[in-house]
Every structure is written in C-alpha cells, then in structure tokens.
C-alpha cells in the first residue's frame, strides 16, 4: 500500500463531520476550519534495523480554526480537536496535541494546533 493511500484513508476517516474540511496534502489556499494531514519529523522509522519494508509512519494533523475573535477561535479549535481525536482510527497512536498558536497563512493570522500520530506501515 502506498503512503498516499495511508493519508487518503486517514482523510476519509476524519471527514465524517460537517465542521471542517480535511486535506491529505497542503492546499494552495487554506480555508478554515480545516485539518491538514502532513508528514511529521521523523516521517518514517524502521521497525527493525536492516528491514526496509516495515516502518513506523508519523503524521501531523494541523488543525486550523476559523478566523473569528480570539476567544471564539479558541473554542472552535478545541471543539475541532475533540471531534478529530474521536475519529482517528484505532490503528493510530495519538502521540501528542500541541498548544494553540498563531500561524500566518493566506496573508492572515490563523489559530492552529498540531496532533501528532504514529502508525505501522508494511510496504
């Protein structure tokens, strides 16, 4: 299974909602609220040294809030994080959720947070 299929399957699981858009790539323009599935660092780690077929894959879910006032944006971001955490498939390990921060994109400031995930991959 290609890594693109892994991202696509995760996107399908996360789009069981009507609150936000989910992308398995970085779109040219981010329209909040949104969830972006990105490669994390490290992206691939071998499960066993010397075995080039089995990896741990780490992904980052960048959760982007709507651009309302700060208290409203924080509540919307927290609501989206809770929704997304409930939709993550069982074959993923949730490693962490970052604190909210301001990210400049689309020539505007957006409130975002990152969810770090890990799963097993057999190539």
PDB file of N, CA and C in Angstrom:
ATOM      1  N   UNK A   1       0.852  -1.185   0.000  1.00  0.00           N
ATOM      2  CA  UNK A   1       0.000   0.000   0.000  1.00  0.00           C
ATOM      3  C   UNK A   1       0.893   1.242   0.000  1.00  0.00           C
ATOM      4  N   UNK A   2       0.690   2.151  -0.935  1.00  0.00           N
ATOM      5  CA  UNK A   2       1.481   3.381  -0.974  1.00  0.00           C
ATOM      6  C   UNK A   2       1.172   4.289   0.221  1.00  0.00           C
ATOM      7  N   UNK A   3       2.129   5.132   0.570  1.00  0.00           N
ATOM      8  CA  UNK A   3       1.919   6.082   1.669  1.00  0.00           C
ATOM      9  C   UNK A   3       0.772   7.035   1.359  1.00  0.00           C
ATOM     10  N   UNK A   4       0.564   7.358   0.092  1.00  0.00           N
ATOM     11  CA  UNK A   4      -0.550   8.246  -0.274  1.00  0.00           C
ATOM     12  C   UNK A   4      -1.891   7.612   0.091  1.00  0.00           C
ATOM     13  N   UNK A   5      -1.985   6.282   0.003  1.00  0.00           N
ATOM     14  CA  UNK A   5      -3.215   5.585   0.391  1.00  0.00           C
ATOM     15  C   UNK A   5      -3.422   5.678   1.898  1.00  0.00           C
ATOM     16  N   UNK A   6      -2.335   5.607   2.648  1.00  0.00           N
ATOM     17  CA  UNK A   6      -2.415   5.742   4.106  1.00  0.00           C
ATOM     18  C   UNK A   6      -3.008   7.105   4.466  1.00  0.00           C
ATOM     19  N   UNK A   7      -2.517   8.170   3.822  1.00  0.00           N
ATOM     20  CA  UNK A   7      -3.048   9.522   4.072  1.00  0.00           C
ATOM     21  C   UNK A   7      -4.495   9.632   3.609  1.00  0.00           C
ATOM     22  N   UNK A   8      -4.799   9.061   2.458  1.00  0.00           N
ATOM     23  CA  UNK A   8      -6.157   9.122   1.919  1.00  0.00           C
ATOM     24  C   UNK A   8      -7.157   8.410   2.823  1.00  0.00           C
ATOM     25  N   UNK A   9      -6.770   7.239   3.347  1.00  0.00           N
ATOM     26  CA  UNK A   9      -7.647   6.504   4.268  1.00  0.00           C
ATOM     27  C   UNK A   9      -7.882   7.287   5.556  1.00  0.00           C
ATOM     28  N   UNK A  10      -6.838   7.950   6.058  1.00  0.00           N
ATOM     29  CA  UNK A  10      -6.987   8.772   7.259  1.00  0.00           C
ATOM     30  C   UNK A  10      -7.913   9.953   6.973  1.00  0.00           C
ATOM     31  N   UNK A  11      -7.762  10.559   5.813  1.00  0.00           N
ATOM     32  CA  UNK A  11      -8.639  11.665   5.425  1.00  0.00           C
ATOM     33  C   UNK A  11     -10.098  11.216   5.407  1.00  0.00           C
ATOM     34  N   UNK A  12     -10.356  10.042   4.838  1.00  0.00           N
ATOM     35  CA  UNK A  12     -11.723   9.514   4.788  1.00  0.00           C
ATOM     36  C   UNK A  12     -12.289   9.351   6.195  1.00  0.00           C
ATOM     37  N   UNK A  13     -11.481   8.837   7.118  1.00  0.00           N
ATOM     38  CA  UNK A  13     -11.945   8.648   8.498  1.00  0.00           C
ATOM     39  C   UNK A  13     -12.240   9.980   9.177  1.00  0.00           C
ATOM     40  N   UNK A  14     -11.454  10.995   8.866  1.00  0.00           N
ATOM     41  CA  UNK A  14     -11.595  12.289   9.549  1.00  0.00           C
ATOM     42  C   UNK A  14     -12.686  13.172   8.958  1.00  0.00           C
ATOM     43  N   UNK A  15     -13.209  12.832   7.798  1.00  0.00           N
ATOM     44  CA  UNK A  15     -14.214  13.684   7.174  1.00  0.00           C
ATOM     45  C   UNK A  15     -15.629  13.222   7.477  1.00  0.00           C
ATOM     46  N   UNK A  16     -15.803  12.466   8.538  1.00  0.00           N
ATOM     47  CA  UNK A  16     -17.143  12.042   8.972  1.00  0.00           C
ATOM     48  C   UNK A  16     -17.787  13.151   9.797  1.00  0.00           C
ATOM     49  N   UNK A  17     -17.761  14.350   9.288  1.00  0.00           N
ATOM     50  CA  UNK A  17     -18.292  15.514  10.011  1.00  0.00           C
ATOM     51  C   UNK A  17     -18.700  16.566   9.008  1.00  0.00           C
ATOM     52  N   UNK A  18     -19.273  17.636   9.497  1.00  0.00           N
ATOM     53  CA  UNK A  18     -19.617  18.773   8.635  1.00  0.00           C
ATOM     54  C   UNK A  18     -18.984  20.056   9.152  1.00  0.00           C
ATOM     55  N   UNK A  19     -18.066  19.934  10.107  1.00  0.00           N
ATOM     56  CA  UNK A  19     -17.493  21.120  10.744  1.00  0.00           C
ATOM     57  C   UNK A  19     -16.300  21.704  10.001  1.00  0.00           C
ATOM     58  N   UNK A  20     -15.479  20.895   9.356  1.00  0.00           N
ATOM     59  CA  UNK A  20     -14.226  21.367   8.780  1.00  0.00           C
ATOM     60  C   UNK A  20     -13.909  20.568   7.516  1.00  0.00           C
ATOM     61  N   UNK A  21     -13.031  21.128   6.701  1.00  0.00           N
ATOM     62  CA  UNK A  21     -12.517  20.434   5.519  1.00  0.00           C
ATOM     63  C   UNK A  21     -11.247  19.693   5.912  1.00  0.00           C
ATOM     64  N   UNK A  22     -10.980  18.574   5.264  1.00  0.00           N
ATOM     65  CA  UNK A  22      -9.781  17.793   5.553  1.00  0.00           C
ATOM     66  C   UNK A  22      -9.003  17.598   4.251  1.00  0.00           C
ATOM     67  N   UNK A  23      -7.698  17.829   4.304  1.00  0.00           N
ATOM     68  CA  UNK A  23      -6.832  17.712   3.129  1.00  0.00           C
ATOM     69  C   UNK A  23      -5.725  16.705   3.420  1.00  0.00           C
ATOM     70  N   UNK A  24      -5.431  15.821   2.452  1.00  0.00           N
ATOM     71  CA  UNK A  24      -4.310  14.898   2.613  1.00  0.00           C
ATOM     72  C   UNK A  24      -3.076  15.440   1.894  1.00  0.00           C
ATOM     73  N   UNK A  25      -3.062  16.739   1.662  1.00  0.00           N
ATOM     74  CA  UNK A  25      -1.955  17.463   1.045  1.00  0.00           C
ATOM     75  C   UNK A  25      -2.061  18.922   1.518  1.00  0.00           C
ATOM     76  N   UNK A  26      -1.063  19.712   1.195  1.00  0.00           N
ATOM     77  CA  UNK A  26      -1.116  21.129   1.545  1.00  0.00           C
ATOM     78  C   UNK A  26      -1.799  21.871   0.396  1.00  0.00           C
ATOM     79  N   UNK A  27      -2.990  22.416   0.643  1.00  0.00           N
ATOM     80  CA  UNK A  27      -3.682  23.136  -0.431  1.00  0.00           C
ATOM     81  C   UNK A  27      -3.029  24.493  -0.682  1.00  0.00           C
ATOM     82  N   UNK A  28      -3.273  25.040  -1.870  1.00  0.00           N
ATOM     83  CA  UNK A  28      -2.727  26.366  -2.186  1.00  0.00           C
ATOM     84  C   UNK A  28      -3.306  27.421  -1.251  1.00  0.00           C
ATOM     85  N   UNK A  29      -4.587  27.311  -0.967  1.00  0.00           N
ATOM     86  CA  UNK A  29      -5.256  28.243  -0.052  1.00  0.00           C
ATOM     87  C   UNK A  29      -5.970  27.428   1.016  1.00  0.00           C
ATOM     88  N   UNK A  30      -5.683  27.730   2.276  1.00  0.00           N
ATOM     89  CA  UNK A  30      -6.331  27.044   3.392  1.00  0.00           C
ATOM     90  C   UNK A  30      -7.589  27.826   3.749  1.00  0.00           C
ATOM     91  N   UNK A  31      -8.727  27.160   3.661  1.00  0.00           N
ATOM     92  CA  UNK A  31      -9.993  27.786   4.025  1.00  0.00           C
ATOM     93  C   UNK A  31     -10.432  27.191   5.365  1.00  0.00           C
ATOM     94  N   UNK A  32     -10.301  27.964   6.453  1.00  0.00           N
ATOM     95  CA  UNK A  32     -10.659  27.430   7.760  1.00  0.00           C
ATOM     96  C   UNK A  32     -12.165  27.327   7.941  1.00  0.00           C
ATOM     97  N   UNK A  33     -12.615  26.449   8.800  1.00  0.00           N
ATOM     98  CA  UNK A  33     -11.826  25.496   9.580  1.00  0.00           C
ATOM     99  C   UNK A  33     -11.366  24.333   8.701  1.00  0.00           C
ATOM    100  N   UNK A  34     -10.177  23.820   9.033  1.00  0.00           N
ATOM    101  CA  UNK A  34      -9.597  22.766   8.208  1.00  0.00           C
ATOM    102  C   UNK A  34      -8.682  21.882   9.032  1.00  0.00           C
ATOM    103  N   UNK A  35      -8.426  20.695   8.483  1.00  0.00           N
ATOM    104  CA  UNK A  35      -7.463  19.757   9.050  1.00  0.00           C
ATOM    105  C   UNK A  35      -6.551  19.310   7.911  1.00  0.00           C
ATOM    106  N   UNK A  36      -5.253  19.516   8.068  1.00  0.00           N
ATOM    107  CA  UNK A  36      -4.277  19.137   7.055  1.00  0.00           C
ATOM    108  C   UNK A  36      -3.497  17.921   7.543  1.00  0.00           C
ATOM    109  N   UNK A  37      -3.355  16.910   6.712  1.00  0.00           N
ATOM    110  CA  UNK A  37      -2.570  15.730   7.048  1.00  0.00           C
ATOM    111  C   UNK A  37      -1.188  15.924   6.434  1.00  0.00           C
ATOM    112  N   UNK A  38      -0.176  16.057   7.288  1.00  0.00           N
ATOM    113  CA  UNK A  38       1.180  16.371   6.851  1.00  0.00           C
ATOM    114  C   UNK A  38       2.163  15.312   7.335  1.00  0.00           C
ATOM    115  N   UNK A  39       3.270  15.184   6.638  1.00  0.00           N
ATOM    116  CA  UNK A  39       4.350  14.319   7.102  1.00  0.00           C
ATOM    117  C   UNK A  39       4.964  14.948   8.346  1.00  0.00           C
ATOM    118  N   UNK A  40       5.275  14.116   9.321  1.00  0.00           N
ATOM    119  CA  UNK A  40       5.875  14.594  10.554  1.00  0.00           C
ATOM    120  C   UNK A  40       7.380  14.394  10.487  1.00  0.00           C
ATOM    121  N   UNK A  41       8.076  14.758  11.538  1.00  0.00           N
ATOM    122  CA  UNK A  41       9.523  14.569  11.581  1.00  0.00           C
ATOM    123  C   UNK A  41       9.889  13.872  12.886  1.00  0.00           C
ATOM    124  N   UNK A  42      10.399  12.668  12.837  1.00  0.00           N
ATOM    125  CA  UNK A  42      10.719  11.900  11.637  1.00  0.00           C
ATOM    126  C   UNK A  42       9.453  11.367  10.972  1.00  0.00           C
ATOM    127  N   UNK A  43       9.516  11.218   9.663  1.00  0.00           N
ATOM    128  CA  UNK A  43       8.374  10.739   8.885  1.00  0.00           C
ATOM    129  C   UNK A  43       8.311   9.213   8.915  1.00  0.00           C
ATOM    130  N   UNK A  44       9.420   8.571   8.583  1.00  0.00           N
ATOM    131  CA  UNK A  44       9.491   7.100   8.580  1.00  0.00           C
ATOM    132  C   UNK A  44      10.610   6.638   9.490  1.00  0.00           C
ATOM    133  N   UNK A  45      10.324   5.617  10.292  1.00  0.00           N
ATOM    134  CA  UNK A  45      11.332   4.995  11.151  1.00  0.00           C
ATOM    135  C   UNK A  45      11.238   3.487  10.961  1.00  0.00           C
ATOM    136  N   UNK A  46      12.365   2.822  10.739  1.00  0.00           N
ATOM    137  CA  UNK A  46      12.293   1.369  10.582  1.00  0.00           C
ATOM    138  C   UNK A  46      11.852   0.700  11.879  1.00  0.00           C
ATOM    139  N   UNK A  47      11.002  -0.323  11.752  1.00  0.00           N
ATOM    140  CA  UNK A  47      10.601  -1.092  12.933  1.00  0.00           C
ATOM    141  C   UNK A  47      11.764  -1.939  13.429  1.00  0.00           C
ATOM    142  N   UNK A  48      12.493  -2.513  12.480  1.00  0.00           N
ATOM    143  CA  UNK A  48      13.664  -3.336  12.784  1.00  0.00           C
ATOM    144  C   UNK A  48      14.807  -2.834  11.917  1.00  0.00           C
ATOM    145  N   UNK A  49      15.947  -2.578  12.503  1.00  0.00           N
ATOM    146  CA  UNK A  49      17.097  -2.087  11.742  1.00  0.00           C
ATOM    147  C   UNK A  49      17.473  -3.130  10.692  1.00  0.00           C
ATOM    148  N   UNK A  50      17.647  -2.671   9.462  1.00  0.00           N
ATOM    149  CA  UNK A  50      18.009  -3.560   8.367  1.00  0.00           C
ATOM    150  C   UNK A  50      16.812  -4.095   7.588  1.00  0.00           C
ATOM    151  N   UNK A  51      15.594  -3.860   8.078  1.00  0.00           N
ATOM    152  CA  UNK A  51      14.399  -4.303   7.363  1.00  0.00           C
ATOM    153  C   UNK A  51      13.790  -3.084   6.680  1.00  0.00           C
ATOM    154  N   UNK A  52      13.857  -3.048   5.349  1.00  0.00           N
ATOM    155  CA  UNK A  52      13.398  -1.888   4.606  1.00  0.00           C
ATOM    156  C   UNK A  52      11.932  -1.924   4.227  1.00  0.00           C
ATOM    157  N   UNK A  53      11.157  -2.848   4.766  1.00  0.00           N
ATOM    158  CA  UNK A  53       9.758  -2.968   4.359  1.00  0.00           C
ATOM    159  C   UNK A  53       8.759  -2.559   5.435  1.00  0.00           C
ATOM    160  N   UNK A  54       9.158  -2.564   6.684  1.00  0.00           N
ATOM    161  CA  UNK A  54       8.246  -2.255   7.788  1.00  0.00           C
ATOM    162  C   UNK A  54       8.706  -0.984   8.501  1.00  0.00           C
ATOM    163  N   UNK A  55       7.798  -0.009   8.559  1.00  0.00           N
ATOM    164  CA  UNK A  55       8.117   1.291   9.134  1.00  0.00           C
ATOM    165  C   UNK A  55       7.044   1.736  10.111  1.00  0.00           C
ATOM    166  N   UNK A  56       7.475   2.620  11.015  1.00  0.00           N
ATOM    167  CA  UNK A  56       6.523   3.435  11.754  1.00  0.00           C
ATOM    168  C   UNK A  56       6.393   4.726  10.956  1.00  0.00           C
ATOM    169  N   UNK A  57       5.177   5.146  10.714  1.00  0.00           N
ATOM    170  CA  UNK A  57       4.903   6.380   9.978  1.00  0.00           C
ATOM    171  C   UNK A  57       4.355   7.392  10.970  1.00  0.00           C
ATOM    172  N   UNK A  58       4.948   8.576  10.962  1.00  0.00           N
ATOM    173  CA  UNK A  58       4.453   9.656  11.813  1.00  0.00           C
ATOM    174  C   UNK A  58       3.832  10.735  10.941  1.00  0.00           C
ATOM    175  N   UNK A  59       2.652  11.136  11.344  1.00  0.00           N
ATOM    176  CA  UNK A  59       1.920  12.171  10.635  1.00  0.00           C
ATOM    177  C   UNK A  59       1.514  13.279  11.599  1.00  0.00           C
ATOM    178  N   UNK A  60       1.392  14.478  11.071  1.00  0.00           N
ATOM    179  CA  UNK A  60       0.917  15.626  11.833  1.00  0.00           C
ATOM    180  C   UNK A  60      -0.422  16.058  11.259  1.00  0.00           C
ATOM    181  N   UNK A  61      -1.397  16.201  12.119  1.00  0.00           N
ATOM    182  CA  UNK A  61      -2.667  16.790  11.725  1.00  0.00           C
ATOM    183  C   UNK A  61      -2.638  18.247  12.163  1.00  0.00           C
ATOM    184  N   UNK A  62      -2.598  19.152  11.214  1.00  0.00           N
ATOM    185  CA  UNK A  62      -2.622  20.585  11.522  1.00  0.00           C
ATOM    186  C   UNK A  62      -4.085  21.019  11.526  1.00  0.00           C
ATOM    187  N   UNK A  63      -4.587  21.372  12.691  1.00  0.00           N
ATOM    188  CA  UNK A  63      -5.983  21.781  12.848  1.00  0.00           C
ATOM    189  C   UNK A  63      -6.015  23.308  12.809  1.00  0.00           C
ATOM    190  N   UNK A  64      -6.791  23.854  11.875  1.00  0.00           N
ATOM    191  CA  UNK A  64      -6.835  25.294  11.646  1.00  0.00           C
ATOM    192  C   UNK A  64      -8.227  25.806  11.988  1.00  0.00           C
ATOM    193  N   UNK A  65      -8.284  26.781  12.885  1.00  0.00           N
ATOM    194  CA  UNK A  65      -9.558  27.326  13.337  1.00  0.00           C
ATOM    195  C   UNK A  65     -10.039  28.440  12.417  1.00  0.00           C
ATOM    196  N   UNK A  66     -11.322  28.734  12.551  1.00  0.00           N
ATOM    197  CA  UNK A  66     -11.885  29.873  11.833  1.00  0.00           C
ATOM    198  C   UNK A  66     -11.276  31.160  12.363  1.00  0.00           C
ATOM    199  N   UNK A  67     -11.402  32.217  11.613  1.00  0.00           N
ATOM    200  CA  UNK A  67     -10.727  33.475  11.939  1.00  0.00           C
ATOM    201  C   UNK A  67     -11.642  34.469  12.652  1.00  0.00           C
ATOM    202  N   UNK A  68     -12.382  33.998  13.650  1.00  0.00           N
ATOM    203  CA  UNK A  68     -13.222  34.901  14.446  1.00  0.00           C
ATOM    204  C   UNK A  68     -12.370  35.540  15.527  1.00  0.00           C
ATOM    205  N   UNK A  69     -13.031  36.154  16.492  1.00  0.00           N
ATOM    206  CA  UNK A  69     -12.314  36.731  17.624  1.00  0.00           C
ATOM    207  C   UNK A  69     -11.550  35.637  18.356  1.00  0.00           C
ATOM    208  N   UNK A  70     -10.533  36.006  19.091  1.00  0.00           N
ATOM    209  CA  UNK A  70      -9.663  35.032  19.726  1.00  0.00           C
ATOM    210  C   UNK A  70     -10.392  34.057  20.654  1.00  0.00           C
ATOM    211  N   UNK A  71     -11.282  34.503  21.582  1.00  0.00           N
ATOM    212  CA  UNK A  71     -11.980  33.521  22.425  1.00  0.00           C
ATOM    213  C   UNK A  71     -12.833  32.554  21.607  1.00  0.00           C
ATOM    214  N   UNK A  72     -13.485  33.051  20.585  1.00  0.00           N
ATOM    215  CA  UNK A  72     -14.316  32.200  19.737  1.00  0.00           C
ATOM    216  C   UNK A  72     -13.457  31.229  18.933  1.00  0.00           C
ATOM    217  N   UNK A  73     -12.347  31.707  18.404  1.00  0.00           N
ATOM    218  CA  UNK A  73     -11.446  30.842  17.633  1.00  0.00           C
ATOM    219  C   UNK A  73     -10.885  29.727  18.510  1.00  0.00           C
ATOM    220  N   UNK A  74     -10.532  30.037  19.755  1.00  0.00           N
ATOM    221  CA  UNK A  74     -10.008  29.016  20.661  1.00  0.00           C
ATOM    222  C   UNK A  74     -11.052  27.950  20.951  1.00  0.00           C
ATOM    223  N   UNK A  75     -12.272  28.350  21.212  1.00  0.00           N
ATOM    224  CA  UNK A  75     -13.333  27.372  21.470  1.00  0.00           C
ATOM    225  C   UNK A  75     -13.572  26.510  20.235  1.00  0.00           C
ATOM    226  N   UNK A  76     -13.629  27.126  19.048  1.00  0.00           N
ATOM    227  CA  UNK A  76     -13.814  26.359  17.815  1.00  0.00           C
ATOM    228  C   UNK A  76     -12.669  25.381  17.589  1.00  0.00           C
ATOM    229  N   UNK A  77     -11.433  25.826  17.854  1.00  0.00           N
ATOM    230  CA  UNK A  77     -10.269  24.952  17.694  1.00  0.00           C
ATOM    231  C   UNK A  77     -10.357  23.765  18.648  1.00  0.00           C
ATOM    232  N   UNK A  78     -10.692  24.027  19.906  1.00  0.00           N
ATOM    233  CA  UNK A  78     -10.815  22.942  20.886  1.00  0.00           C
ATOM    234  C   UNK A  78     -11.922  21.967  20.498  1.00  0.00           C
ATOM    235  N   UNK A  79     -13.044  22.479  20.012  1.00  0.00           N
ATOM    236  CA  UNK A  79     -14.140  21.612  19.567  1.00  0.00           C
ATOM    237  C   UNK A  79     -13.687  20.728  18.395  1.00  0.00           C
ATOM    238  N   UNK A  80     -12.970  21.327  17.434  1.00  0.00           N
ATOM    239  CA  UNK A  80     -12.484  20.547  16.288  1.00  0.00           C
ATOM    240  C   UNK A  80     -11.469  19.494  16.720  1.00  0.00           C
ATOM    241  N   UNK A  81     -10.589  19.831  17.657  1.00  0.00           N
ATOM    242  CA  UNK A  81      -9.613  18.853  18.153  1.00  0.00           C
ATOM    243  C   UNK A  81     -10.332  17.675  18.793  1.00  0.00           C
ATOM    244  N   UNK A  82     -11.327  17.952  19.627  1.00  0.00           N
ATOM    245  CA  UNK A  82     -12.081  16.863  20.274  1.00  0.00           C
ATOM    246  C   UNK A  82     -12.790  15.991  19.233  1.00  0.00           C
ATOM    247  N   UNK A  83     -13.369  16.613  18.220  1.00  0.00           N
ATOM    248  CA  UNK A  83     -14.029  15.850  17.156  1.00  0.00           C
ATOM    249  C   UNK A  83     -13.030  14.962  16.428  1.00  0.00           C
ATOM    250  N   UNK A  84     -11.893  15.535  16.049  1.00  0.00           N
ATOM    251  CA  UNK A  84     -10.876  14.794  15.298  1.00  0.00           C
ATOM    252  C   UNK A  84     -10.318  13.645  16.132  1.00  0.00           C
ATOM    253  N   UNK A  85     -10.037  13.879  17.402  1.00  0.00           N
ATOM    254  CA  UNK A  85      -9.497  12.810  18.256  1.00  0.00           C
ATOM    255  C   UNK A  85     -10.450  11.619  18.303  1.00  0.00           C
ATOM    256  N   UNK A  86     -11.750  11.878  18.290  1.00  0.00           N
ATOM    257  CA  UNK A  86     -12.737  10.802  18.318  1.00  0.00           C
ATOM    258  C   UNK A  86     -12.853  10.044  17.007  1.00  0.00           C
ATOM    259  N   UNK A  87     -12.339  10.609  15.917  1.00  0.00           N
ATOM    260  CA  UNK A  87     -12.451   9.981  14.598  1.00  0.00           C
ATOM    261  C   UNK A  87     -11.179   9.270  14.144  1.00  0.00           C
ATOM    262  N   UNK A  88     -10.097   9.417  14.893  1.00  0.00           N
ATOM    263  CA  UNK A  88      -8.828   8.791  14.496  1.00  0.00           C
ATOM    264  C   UNK A  88      -8.965   7.274  14.593  1.00  0.00           C
ATOM    265  N   UNK A  89      -8.623   6.554  13.514  1.00  0.00           N
ATOM    266  CA  UNK A  89      -8.749   5.085  13.520  1.00  0.00           C
ATOM    267  C   UNK A  89      -7.913   4.435  14.628  1.00  0.00           C
ATOM    268  N   UNK A  90      -8.346   3.267  15.056  1.00  0.00           N
ATOM    269  CA  UNK A  90      -7.702   2.569  16.175  1.00  0.00           C
ATOM    270  C   UNK A  90      -6.285   2.098  15.872  1.00  0.00           C
ATOM    271  N   UNK A  91      -5.909   2.010  14.587  1.00  0.00           N
ATOM    272  CA  UNK A  91      -4.551   1.569  14.270  1.00  0.00           C
ATOM    273  C   UNK A  91      -3.534   2.714  14.361  1.00  0.00           C
ATOM    274  N   UNK A  92      -3.967   3.889  14.817  1.00  0.00           N
ATOM    275  CA  UNK A  92      -3.078   5.029  15.041  1.00  0.00           C
ATOM    276  C   UNK A  92      -2.886   5.249  16.530  1.00  0.00           C
ATOM    277  N   UNK A  93      -1.691   5.669  16.894  1.00  0.00           N
ATOM    278  CA  UNK A  93      -1.383   6.077  18.265  1.00  0.00           C
ATOM    279  C   UNK A  93      -1.337   7.597  18.279  1.00  0.00           C
ATOM    280  N   UNK A  94      -2.066   8.207  19.201  1.00  0.00           N
ATOM    281  CA  UNK A  94      -2.008   9.663  19.364  1.00  0.00           C
ATOM    282  C   UNK A  94      -0.817   9.954  20.268  1.00  0.00           C
ATOM    283  N   UNK A  95       0.195  10.629  19.723  1.00  0.00           N
ATOM    284  CA  UNK A  95       1.410  10.904  20.480  1.00  0.00           C
ATOM    285  C   UNK A  95       1.282  12.177  21.320  1.00  0.00           C
ATOM    286  N   UNK A  96       0.671  13.215  20.742  1.00  0.00           N
ATOM    287  CA  UNK A  96       0.533  14.475  21.478  1.00  0.00           C
ATOM    288  C   UNK A  96      -0.385  15.430  20.732  1.00  0.00           C
ATOM    289  N   UNK A  97      -0.831  16.451  21.473  1.00  0.00           N
ATOM    290  CA  UNK A  97      -1.574  17.572  20.891  1.00  0.00           C
ATOM    291  C   UNK A  97      -0.861  18.832  21.368  1.00  0.00           C
ATOM    292  N   UNK A  98      -0.456  19.675  20.422  1.00  0.00           N
ATOM    293  CA  UNK A  98       0.288  20.886  20.785  1.00  0.00           C
ATOM    294  C   UNK A  98      -0.645  21.947  21.360  1.00  0.00           C
ATOM    295  N   UNK A  99      -0.043  22.916  21.986  1.00  0.00           N
ATOM    296  CA  UNK A  99      -0.828  24.060  22.453  1.00  0.00           C
ATOM    297  C   UNK A  99      -1.218  24.912  21.243  1.00  0.00           C
ATOM    298  N   UNK A 100      -2.327  25.649  21.351  1.00  0.00           N
ATOM    299  CA  UNK A 100      -2.728  26.524  20.244  1.00  0.00           C
ATOM    300  C   UNK A 100      -1.670  27.604  20.004  1.00  0.00           C
ATOM    301  N   UNK A 101      -1.531  27.976  18.722  1.00  0.00           N
ATOM    302  CA  UNK A 101      -0.582  29.030  18.370  1.00  0.00           C
ATOM    303  C   UNK A 101      -1.083  29.746  17.114  1.00  0.00           C
ATOM    304  N   UNK A 102      -0.523  30.907  16.878  1.00  0.00           N
ATOM    305  CA  UNK A 102      -0.873  31.700  15.697  1.00  0.00           C
ATOM    306  C   UNK A 102       0.027  31.262  14.543  1.00  0.00           C
ATOM    307  N   UNK A 103      -0.592  30.994  13.401  1.00  0.00           N
ATOM    308  CA  UNK A 103       0.148  30.646  12.192  1.00  0.00           C
ATOM    309  C   UNK A 103      -0.280  31.620  11.104  1.00  0.00           C
ATOM    310  N   UNK A 104       0.705  32.204  10.433  1.00  0.00           N
ATOM    311  CA  UNK A 104       0.370  33.127   9.352  1.00  0.00           C
ATOM    312  C   UNK A 104       0.331  32.352   8.037  1.00  0.00           C
ATOM    313  N   UNK A 105      -0.813  32.412   7.386  1.00  0.00           N
ATOM    314  CA  UNK A 105      -1.002  31.788   6.080  1.00  0.00           C
ATOM    315  C   UNK A 105      -2.110  32.529   5.354  1.00  0.00           C
ATOM    316  N   UNK A 106      -2.122  32.453   4.064  1.00  0.00           N
ATOM    317  CA  UNK A 106      -3.129  33.166   3.262  1.00  0.00           C
ATOM    318  C   UNK A 106      -3.135  34.657   3.586  1.00  0.00           C
ATOM    319  N   UNK A 107      -2.004  35.207   3.977  1.00  0.00           N
ATOM    320  CA  UNK A 107      -1.882  36.631   4.335  1.00  0.00           C
ATOM    321  C   UNK A 107      -2.731  37.010   5.537  1.00  0.00           C
ATOM    322  N   UNK A 108      -3.003  36.044   6.403  1.00  0.00           N
ATOM    323  CA  UNK A 108      -3.766  36.323   7.613  1.00  0.00           C
ATOM    324  C   UNK A 108      -3.254  35.440   8.740  1.00  0.00           C
ATOM    325  N   UNK A 109      -3.568  35.810   9.974  1.00  0.00           N
ATOM    326  CA  UNK A 109      -3.193  35.006  11.135  1.00  0.00           C
ATOM    327  C   UNK A 109      -4.317  34.034  11.461  1.00  0.00           C
ATOM    328  N   UNK A 110      -3.960  32.765  11.651  1.00  0.00           N
ATOM    329  CA  UNK A 110      -4.929  31.729  11.996  1.00  0.00           C
ATOM    330  C   UNK A 110      -4.497  31.029  13.275  1.00  0.00           C
ATOM    331  N   UNK A 111      -5.455  30.621  14.073  1.00  0.00           N
ATOM    332  CA  UNK A 111      -5.167  29.859  15.281  1.00  0.00           C
ATOM    333  C   UNK A 111      -5.106  28.381  14.905  1.00  0.00           C
ATOM    334  N   UNK A 112      -4.001  27.714  15.253  1.00  0.00           N
ATOM    335  CA  UNK A 112      -3.807  26.314  14.870  1.00  0.00           C
ATOM    336  C   UNK A 112      -3.271  25.504  16.042  1.00  0.00           C
ATOM    337  N   UNK A 113      -3.357  24.197  15.904  1.00  0.00           N
ATOM    338  CA  UNK A 113      -2.735  23.258  16.834  1.00  0.00           C
ATOM    339  C   UNK A 113      -2.374  22.019  16.027  1.00  0.00           C
ATOM    340  N   UNK A 114      -1.414  21.248  16.530  1.00  0.00           N
ATOM    341  CA  UNK A 114      -0.978  20.035  15.847  1.00  0.00           C
ATOM    342  C   UNK A 114      -1.285  18.807  16.674  1.00  0.00           C
ATOM    343  N   UNK A 115      -1.770  17.776  15.994  1.00  0.00           N
ATOM    344  CA  UNK A 115      -1.956  16.455  16.609  1.00  0.00           C
ATOM    345  C   UNK A 115      -0.932  15.541  15.974  1.00  0.00           C
ATOM    346  N   UNK A 116      -0.066  14.953  16.793  1.00  0.00           N
ATOM    347  CA  UNK A 116       0.974  14.041  16.299  1.00  0.00           C
ATOM    348  C   UNK A 116       0.471  12.606  16.393  1.00  0.00           C
ATOM    349  N   UNK A 117       0.592  11.866  15.270  1.00  0.00           N
ATOM    350  CA  UNK A 117       0.125  10.486  15.193  1.00  0.00           C
ATOM    351  C   UNK A 117       1.248   9.558  14.745  1.00  0.00           C
ATOM    352  N   UNK A 118       1.087   8.293  15.075  1.00  0.00           N
ATOM    353  CA  UNK A 118       2.002   7.261  14.591  1.00  0.00           C
ATOM    354  C   UNK A 118       1.215   6.008  14.266  1.00  0.00           C
ATOM    355  N   UNK A 119       1.613   5.322  13.193  1.00  0.00           N
ATOM    356  CA  UNK A 119       1.000   4.059  12.818  1.00  0.00           C
ATOM    357  C   UNK A 119       2.067   3.159  12.210  1.00  0.00           C
ATOM    358  N   UNK A 120       1.743   1.879  12.091  1.00  0.00           N
ATOM    359  CA  UNK A 120       2.657   0.919  11.460  1.00  0.00           C
ATOM    360  C   UNK A 120       2.356   0.849   9.973  1.00  0.00           C
ATOM    361  N   UNK A 121       3.413   0.667   9.174  1.00  0.00           N
ATOM    362  CA  UNK A 121       3.287   0.600   7.718  1.00  0.00           C
ATOM    363  C   UNK A 121       4.117  -0.569   7.202  1.00  0.00           C
ATOM    364  N   UNK A 122       3.489  -1.395   6.400  1.00  0.00           N
ATOM    365  CA  UNK A 122       4.197  -2.503   5.773  1.00  0.00           C
ATOM    366  C   UNK A 122       4.184  -2.278   4.275  1.00  0.00           C
ATOM    367  N   UNK A 123       5.344  -1.995   3.709  1.00  0.00           N
ATOM    368  CA  UNK A 123       5.442  -1.673   2.286  1.00  0.00           C
ATOM    369  C   UNK A 123       5.470  -2.872   1.390  1.00  0.00           C
TER     370      UNK A 123
END
